[in-house]
Amino acid sequence: MEENLLFWSPDTFPGLYMPFDPLLFFGGNGGGDQFAFVLTPERPDIFVRDHGNDSRLWAARGLEDYLHRSLAGDGDWYR
């Protein structure tokens, strides 16, 4: 929760990254990439934010799909 509040603060990263407002981060890959639900527009998909270039990549159709893919995959399964 603390990380989401930090990312949502307008004073944290002004002009450095794409907006974080539409995302709710819930986990990471251990290497800096972060997984998030999309809040606006509300949709079930999960995206991953690549910390190296700030891109947002589609990762799964929803939480159940994310769990299946992440538990069956290895390394950067979402790429």
N, C-alpha and C. Protein backbone atom coordinates (compact mmCIF):
# COMPACT_ATOMS: atom_id res chain seq x y z
N MET A 1 0.82 -1.18 0.00
CA MET A 1 0.00 0.00 0.00
C MET A 1 0.87 1.26 0.00
N GLU A 2 1.97 1.21 0.77
CA GLU A 2 2.85 2.38 0.83
C GLU A 2 3.42 2.73 -0.54
N GLU A 3 3.77 1.71 -1.32
CA GLU A 3 4.32 1.96 -2.64
C GLU A 3 3.29 2.58 -3.57
N ASN A 4 2.04 2.12 -3.50
CA ASN A 4 0.98 2.72 -4.30
C ASN A 4 0.78 4.18 -3.93
N LEU A 5 0.74 4.48 -2.65
CA LEU A 5 0.58 5.86 -2.22
C LEU A 5 1.72 6.74 -2.70
N LEU A 6 2.93 6.20 -2.67
CA LEU A 6 4.09 6.95 -3.16
C LEU A 6 3.95 7.22 -4.66
N PHE A 7 3.60 6.20 -5.43
CA PHE A 7 3.46 6.37 -6.88
C PHE A 7 2.31 7.31 -7.23
N TRP A 8 1.24 7.29 -6.45
CA TRP A 8 0.08 8.14 -6.76
C TRP A 8 0.31 9.60 -6.38
N SER A 9 1.29 9.88 -5.56
CA SER A 9 1.56 11.25 -5.14
C SER A 9 2.04 12.08 -6.33
N PRO A 10 1.41 13.23 -6.58
CA PRO A 10 1.79 14.03 -7.75
C PRO A 10 3.19 14.63 -7.63
N ASP A 11 3.76 14.66 -6.45
CA ASP A 11 5.07 15.26 -6.25
C ASP A 11 6.23 14.27 -6.32
N THR A 12 5.94 12.97 -6.44
CA THR A 12 6.98 11.96 -6.36
C THR A 12 7.84 11.89 -7.62
N PHE A 13 7.23 11.74 -8.77
CA PHE A 13 7.97 11.58 -10.03
C PHE A 13 7.41 12.51 -11.11
N PRO A 14 7.33 13.80 -10.86
CA PRO A 14 6.68 14.69 -11.84
C PRO A 14 7.40 14.67 -13.19
N GLY A 15 6.67 14.27 -14.22
CA GLY A 15 7.18 14.29 -15.58
C GLY A 15 8.19 13.22 -15.94
N LEU A 16 8.55 12.33 -15.01
CA LEU A 16 9.55 11.32 -15.30
C LEU A 16 8.98 10.04 -15.90
N TYR A 17 7.75 9.69 -15.50
CA TYR A 17 7.15 8.43 -15.92
C TYR A 17 5.73 8.63 -16.40
N MET A 18 5.19 7.62 -17.07
CA MET A 18 3.77 7.64 -17.40
C MET A 18 3.00 7.66 -16.08
N PRO A 19 1.76 8.16 -16.08
CA PRO A 19 0.99 8.24 -14.84
C PRO A 19 0.78 6.86 -14.19
N PHE A 20 0.83 6.85 -12.88
CA PHE A 20 0.59 5.63 -12.11
C PHE A 20 -0.84 5.57 -11.57
N ASP A 21 -1.58 6.66 -11.69
CA ASP A 21 -2.94 6.74 -11.13
C ASP A 21 -3.84 5.58 -11.53
N PRO A 22 -3.80 5.13 -12.80
CA PRO A 22 -4.72 4.06 -13.19
C PRO A 22 -4.35 2.68 -12.67
N LEU A 23 -3.21 2.55 -12.00
CA LEU A 23 -2.71 1.22 -11.61
C LEU A 23 -2.75 1.00 -10.11
N LEU A 24 -3.00 -0.24 -9.73
CA LEU A 24 -2.92 -0.68 -8.33
C LEU A 24 -1.90 -1.81 -8.30
N PHE A 25 -0.70 -1.49 -7.84
CA PHE A 25 0.38 -2.48 -7.80
C PHE A 25 0.16 -3.48 -6.67
N PHE A 26 0.46 -4.75 -6.95
CA PHE A 26 0.26 -5.78 -5.92
C PHE A 26 1.45 -6.73 -5.78
N GLY A 27 2.44 -6.63 -6.63
CA GLY A 27 3.58 -7.53 -6.51
C GLY A 27 4.62 -7.24 -7.56
N GLY A 28 5.72 -7.95 -7.44
CA GLY A 28 6.80 -7.74 -8.39
C GLY A 28 7.50 -9.04 -8.72
N ASN A 29 8.45 -8.96 -9.64
CA ASN A 29 9.17 -10.15 -10.08
C ASN A 29 10.49 -10.34 -9.34
N GLY A 30 10.81 -9.47 -8.40
CA GLY A 30 12.06 -9.57 -7.66
C GLY A 30 13.20 -8.84 -8.33
N GLY A 31 13.00 -8.41 -9.58
CA GLY A 31 14.03 -7.70 -10.31
C GLY A 31 13.67 -6.25 -10.59
N GLY A 32 12.56 -5.78 -10.04
CA GLY A 32 12.16 -4.40 -10.23
C GLY A 32 10.88 -4.21 -11.01
N ASP A 33 10.49 -5.19 -11.85
CA ASP A 33 9.24 -5.08 -12.58
C ASP A 33 8.08 -5.32 -11.62
N GLN A 34 6.98 -4.61 -11.84
CA GLN A 34 5.85 -4.66 -10.90
C GLN A 34 4.56 -5.03 -11.62
N PHE A 35 3.73 -5.84 -10.96
CA PHE A 35 2.45 -6.26 -11.50
C PHE A 35 1.35 -5.38 -10.92
N ALA A 36 0.34 -5.08 -11.76
CA ALA A 36 -0.70 -4.17 -11.31
C ALA A 36 -2.04 -4.49 -11.95
N PHE A 37 -3.10 -4.22 -11.18
CA PHE A 37 -4.46 -4.21 -11.70
C PHE A 37 -4.67 -2.85 -12.35
N VAL A 38 -5.57 -2.78 -13.32
CA VAL A 38 -5.92 -1.51 -13.95
C VAL A 38 -7.21 -1.01 -13.30
N LEU A 39 -7.13 0.17 -12.68
CA LEU A 39 -8.29 0.75 -12.02
C LEU A 39 -9.12 1.62 -12.95
N THR A 40 -8.43 2.34 -13.86
CA THR A 40 -9.11 3.27 -14.75
C THR A 40 -8.56 3.12 -16.15
N PRO A 41 -9.35 2.74 -17.14
CA PRO A 41 -10.71 2.26 -16.98
C PRO A 41 -10.70 0.88 -16.34
N GLU A 42 -11.68 0.62 -15.50
CA GLU A 42 -11.72 -0.64 -14.77
C GLU A 42 -11.78 -1.81 -15.74
N ARG A 43 -10.87 -2.73 -15.55
CA ARG A 43 -10.82 -3.94 -16.39
C ARG A 43 -10.11 -5.03 -15.60
N PRO A 44 -10.36 -6.29 -15.91
CA PRO A 44 -9.79 -7.39 -15.13
C PRO A 44 -8.33 -7.69 -15.43
N ASP A 45 -7.80 -7.15 -16.53
CA ASP A 45 -6.45 -7.47 -16.96
C ASP A 45 -5.39 -7.03 -15.95
N ILE A 46 -4.27 -7.75 -16.00
CA ILE A 46 -3.12 -7.41 -15.18
C ILE A 46 -1.98 -7.05 -16.12
N PHE A 47 -1.32 -5.96 -15.79
CA PHE A 47 -0.18 -5.49 -16.56
C PHE A 47 1.07 -5.53 -15.70
N VAL A 48 2.20 -5.55 -16.36
CA VAL A 48 3.48 -5.47 -15.66
C VAL A 48 4.16 -4.18 -16.11
N ARG A 49 4.70 -3.45 -15.16
CA ARG A 49 5.46 -2.25 -15.46
C ARG A 49 6.93 -2.62 -15.48
N ASP A 50 7.55 -2.42 -16.64
CA ASP A 50 8.99 -2.67 -16.77
C ASP A 50 9.72 -1.47 -16.18
N HIS A 51 10.46 -1.70 -15.12
CA HIS A 51 11.12 -0.60 -14.43
C HIS A 51 12.25 0.01 -15.24
N GLY A 52 12.77 -0.72 -16.23
CA GLY A 52 13.87 -0.22 -17.02
C GLY A 52 13.49 0.86 -18.01
N ASN A 53 12.29 0.73 -18.60
CA ASN A 53 11.87 1.70 -19.60
C ASN A 53 10.48 2.26 -19.36
N ASP A 54 9.87 1.93 -18.23
CA ASP A 54 8.55 2.41 -17.82
C ASP A 54 7.43 1.95 -18.76
N SER A 55 7.66 0.90 -19.55
CA SER A 55 6.59 0.40 -20.41
C SER A 55 5.61 -0.41 -19.58
N ARG A 56 4.41 -0.55 -20.09
CA ARG A 56 3.36 -1.33 -19.44
C ARG A 56 3.01 -2.46 -20.39
N LEU A 57 3.24 -3.68 -19.98
CA LEU A 57 2.99 -4.86 -20.81
C LEU A 57 1.82 -5.66 -20.26
N TRP A 58 0.97 -6.14 -21.15
CA TRP A 58 -0.12 -7.01 -20.72
C TRP A 58 0.47 -8.32 -20.21
N ALA A 59 -0.05 -8.81 -19.08
CA ALA A 59 0.48 -10.03 -18.49
C ALA A 59 -0.57 -11.14 -18.35
N ALA A 60 -1.82 -10.78 -18.06
CA ALA A 60 -2.83 -11.81 -17.82
C ALA A 60 -4.24 -11.23 -17.94
N ARG A 61 -5.21 -12.13 -18.14
CA ARG A 61 -6.62 -11.73 -18.28
C ARG A 61 -7.30 -11.42 -16.96
N GLY A 62 -6.66 -11.71 -15.88
CA GLY A 62 -7.23 -11.48 -14.56
C GLY A 62 -6.38 -12.18 -13.52
N LEU A 63 -6.82 -12.13 -12.28
CA LEU A 63 -6.02 -12.70 -11.19
C LEU A 63 -5.83 -14.21 -11.34
N GLU A 64 -6.90 -14.93 -11.67
CA GLU A 64 -6.77 -16.38 -11.82
C GLU A 64 -5.80 -16.74 -12.94
N ASP A 65 -5.92 -16.04 -14.08
CA ASP A 65 -5.01 -16.26 -15.20
C ASP A 65 -3.58 -15.90 -14.81
N TYR A 66 -3.42 -14.82 -14.08
CA TYR A 66 -2.08 -14.41 -13.60
C TYR A 66 -1.46 -15.51 -12.74
N LEU A 67 -2.24 -16.06 -11.82
CA LEU A 67 -1.72 -17.12 -10.94
C LEU A 67 -1.32 -18.35 -11.73
N HIS A 68 -2.15 -18.75 -12.68
CA HIS A 68 -1.81 -19.92 -13.52
C HIS A 68 -0.53 -19.67 -14.30
N ARG A 69 -0.44 -18.51 -14.94
CA ARG A 69 0.73 -18.20 -15.77
C ARG A 69 2.00 -18.07 -14.93
N SER A 70 1.90 -17.37 -13.80
CA SER A 70 3.10 -17.13 -13.00
C SER A 70 3.58 -18.40 -12.30
N LEU A 71 2.67 -19.25 -11.87
CA LEU A 71 3.09 -20.48 -11.21
C LEU A 71 3.62 -21.52 -12.19
N ALA A 72 3.13 -21.47 -13.43
CA ALA A 72 3.59 -22.42 -14.45
C ALA A 72 4.83 -21.94 -15.17
N GLY A 73 5.08 -20.62 -15.14
CA GLY A 73 6.19 -20.05 -15.88
C GLY A 73 7.46 -19.96 -15.04
N ASP A 74 8.50 -19.57 -15.70
CA ASP A 74 9.75 -19.34 -14.98
C ASP A 74 10.40 -18.09 -15.53
N GLY A 75 11.14 -17.41 -14.70
CA GLY A 75 11.79 -16.18 -15.13
C GLY A 75 10.77 -15.12 -15.51
N ASP A 76 11.00 -14.47 -16.62
CA ASP A 76 10.10 -13.43 -17.09
C ASP A 76 9.03 -14.02 -18.00
N TRP A 77 8.14 -14.82 -17.44
CA TRP A 77 7.10 -15.54 -18.18
C TRP A 77 6.17 -14.60 -18.93
N TYR A 78 6.06 -13.37 -18.54
CA TYR A 78 5.10 -12.42 -19.12
C TYR A 78 5.65 -11.75 -20.38
N ARG A 79 6.86 -12.00 -20.76
CA ARG A 79 7.45 -11.35 -21.95
C ARG A 79 7.19 -12.15 -23.19
